[in-house]
C-alpha atoms as a PDB file:
ATOM      1  CA  MET A   1      -4.459 -26.520  14.317  1.00  0.00           C
ATOM      2  CA  ASN A   2      -6.633 -23.689  15.571  1.00  0.00           C
ATOM      3  CA  PRO A   3      -8.349 -21.817  12.673  1.00  0.00           C
ATOM      4  CA  LYS A   4      -7.375 -18.443  14.129  1.00  0.00           C
ATOM      5  CA  ALA A   5      -3.738 -19.562  14.284  1.00  0.00           C
ATOM      6  CA  ILE A   6      -3.889 -20.527  10.598  1.00  0.00           C
ATOM      7  CA  ILE A   7      -5.349 -17.147   9.654  1.00  0.00           C
ATOM      8  CA  LEU A   8      -2.725 -15.321  11.703  1.00  0.00           C
ATOM      9  CA  ALA A   9       0.093 -17.347  10.141  1.00  0.00           C
ATOM     10  CA  LEU A  10      -1.152 -16.737   6.587  1.00  0.00           C
ATOM     11  CA  SER A  11      -1.659 -13.036   7.237  1.00  0.00           C
ATOM     12  CA  THR A  12       1.826 -12.692   8.696  1.00  0.00           C
ATOM     13  CA  VAL A  13       3.404 -14.394   5.694  1.00  0.00           C
ATOM     14  CA  ALA A  14       1.394 -12.278   3.272  1.00  0.00           C
ATOM     15  CA  LEU A  15       2.189  -9.037   5.056  1.00  0.00           C
ATOM     16  CA  ALA A  16       5.880  -9.871   5.198  1.00  0.00           C
ATOM     17  CA  GLY A  17       5.921  -9.554   1.412  1.00  0.00           C
ATOM     18  CA  CYS A  18       4.859  -5.920   1.717  1.00  0.00           C
ATOM     19  CA  SER A  19       8.032  -4.923   3.513  1.00  0.00           C
ATOM     20  CA  THR A  20      10.511  -6.147   0.911  1.00  0.00           C
ATOM     21  CA  PRO A  21      12.243  -3.696  -1.446  1.00  0.00           C
ATOM     22  CA  ARG A  22      10.328  -3.304  -4.683  1.00  0.00           C
ATOM     23  CA  LYS A  23      11.801  -3.668  -8.131  1.00  0.00           C
ATOM     24  CA  PRO A  24      10.450  -1.414 -10.876  1.00  0.00           C
ATOM     25  CA  ILE A  25       8.189  -3.062 -13.446  1.00  0.00           C
ATOM     26  CA  PRO A  26       7.181  -1.799 -16.899  1.00  0.00           C
ATOM     27  CA  LEU A  27       3.670  -0.386 -17.211  1.00  0.00           C
ATOM     28  CA  PRO A  28       1.431  -0.710 -20.287  1.00  0.00           C
ATOM     29  CA  ASN A  29       1.860   3.040 -20.984  1.00  0.00           C
ATOM     30  CA  GLY A  30       5.629   2.576 -21.289  1.00  0.00           C
ATOM     31  CA  GLY A  31       6.327   4.110 -17.889  1.00  0.00           C
ATOM     32  CA  GLN A  32       7.873   2.490 -14.876  1.00  0.00           C
ATOM     33  CA  GLY A  33       5.846   1.463 -11.837  1.00  0.00           C
ATOM     34  CA  PHE A  34       5.570  -0.812  -8.854  1.00  0.00           C
ATOM     35  CA  SER A  35       3.230  -3.549  -7.674  1.00  0.00           C
ATOM     36  CA  VAL A  36       1.961  -3.005  -4.125  1.00  0.00           C
ATOM     37  CA  SER A  37       0.049  -5.767  -2.301  1.00  0.00           C
ATOM     38  CA  CYS A  38      -1.726  -5.873   1.029  1.00  0.00           C
ATOM     39  CA  ILE A  39      -4.241  -7.990   2.900  1.00  0.00           C
ATOM     40  CA  ASN A  40      -7.815  -6.880   3.669  1.00  0.00           C
ATOM     41  CA  ASP A  41      -6.971  -3.165   4.017  1.00  0.00           C
ATOM     42  CA  GLN A  42      -6.699  -0.774   1.070  1.00  0.00           C
ATOM     43  CA  GLU A  43      -5.378   2.019   3.325  1.00  0.00           C
ATOM     44  CA  THR A  44      -2.273  -0.111   3.897  1.00  0.00           C
ATOM     45  CA  CYS A  45      -1.797  -0.339   0.127  1.00  0.00           C
ATOM     46  CA  TYR A  46      -2.140   3.432  -0.262  1.00  0.00           C
ATOM     47  CA  LYS A  47       0.398   4.105   2.500  1.00  0.00           C
ATOM     48  CA  ASP A  48       2.772   1.490   1.091  1.00  0.00           C
ATOM     49  CA  ALA A  49       2.500   3.052  -2.385  1.00  0.00           C
ATOM     50  CA  ALA A  50       3.295   6.519  -1.001  1.00  0.00           C
ATOM     51  CA  THR A  51       6.271   5.111   0.913  1.00  0.00           C
ATOM     52  CA  THR A  52       7.530   3.171  -2.121  1.00  0.00           C
ATOM     53  CA  CYS A  53       7.248   6.244  -4.350  1.00  0.00           C
ATOM     54  CA  LYS A  54       8.532   8.606  -1.655  1.00  0.00           C
ATOM     55  CA  GLY A  55       5.610  10.890  -2.429  1.00  0.00           C
ATOM     56  CA  PRO A  56       2.813  11.190  -4.972  1.00  0.00           C
ATOM     57  CA  TYR A  57       1.780   8.336  -7.232  1.00  0.00           C
ATOM     58  CA  GLU A  58      -0.943   7.398  -9.693  1.00  0.00           C
ATOM     59  CA  LEU A  59      -2.938   4.201  -9.350  1.00  0.00           C
ATOM     60  CA  THR A  60      -2.823   2.575 -12.809  1.00  0.00           C
ATOM     61  CA  ASP A  61      -4.511  -0.778 -12.091  1.00  0.00           C
ATOM     62  CA  ARG A  62      -5.873  -2.819  -9.225  1.00  0.00           C
ATOM     63  CA  THR A  63      -6.931  -6.402  -8.645  1.00  0.00           C
ATOM     64  CA  SER A  64      -8.308  -8.333  -5.722  1.00  0.00           C
ATOM     65  CA  GLN A  65      -8.325 -12.022  -4.913  1.00  0.00           C
ATOM     66  CA  ILE A  66     -10.467 -13.602  -2.230  1.00  0.00           C
ATOM     67  CA  THR A  67      -9.081 -16.744  -0.606  1.00  0.00           C
ATOM     68  CA  TYR A  68     -11.306 -19.009   1.460  1.00  0.00           C
ATOM     69  CA  LEU A  69      -9.425 -20.004   4.618  1.00  0.00           C
ATOM     70  CA  GLY A  70     -12.037 -22.340   6.053  1.00  0.00           C
ATOM     71  CA  TYR A  71     -14.455 -22.029   8.940  1.00  0.00           C
ATOM     72  CA  GLY A  72     -16.206 -19.149   7.167  1.00  0.00           C
ATOM     73  CA  GLN A  73     -13.035 -17.014   7.093  1.00  0.00           C
ATOM     74  CA  THR A  74     -11.747 -15.286   3.971  1.00  0.00           C
ATOM     75  CA  MET A  75      -8.696 -13.206   3.137  1.00  0.00           C
ATOM     76  CA  THR A  76      -8.702 -10.560   0.410  1.00  0.00           C
ATOM     77  CA  THR A  77      -5.381  -9.843  -1.278  1.00  0.00           C
ATOM     78  CA  LEU A  78      -5.317  -6.424  -2.940  1.00  0.00           C
ATOM     79  CA  THR A  79      -2.684  -5.688  -5.575  1.00  0.00           C
ATOM     80  CA  TYR A  80      -2.241  -2.156  -6.914  1.00  0.00           C
ATOM     81  CA  MET A  81      -0.066  -1.087  -9.814  1.00  0.00           C
ATOM     82  CA  VAL A  82       1.255   2.418  -9.174  1.00  0.00           C
ATOM     83  CA  GLU A  83       3.318   4.876 -11.161  1.00  0.00           C
ATOM     84  CA  CYS A  84       5.398   7.275  -9.084  1.00  0.00           C
ATOM     85  CA  LYS A  85       5.012  10.967  -9.892  1.00  0.00           C
ATOM     86  CA  LYS A  86       7.761  13.531  -9.650  1.00  0.00           C
ATOM     87  CA  GLN A  87       7.327  16.034  -6.854  1.00  0.00           C
END
């Protein structure tokens, strides 16, 4: 299989997870938040967090994971924990 086709397929699957409805999760501070993930682009995470919260939010934690895809290609998965703020 073509390496670019593999990368495209993996990216599509990963990005599909970003469009699913989010369930609230408990935060360490006792509040309620959401986990927002995206691939290779933190701006997408920020926009997704604003959409999920329907407005302002606070970034409470973030992680990144780099996956080697072969042929010198990598994919970075960014996961942000956000707490929605009241408007």
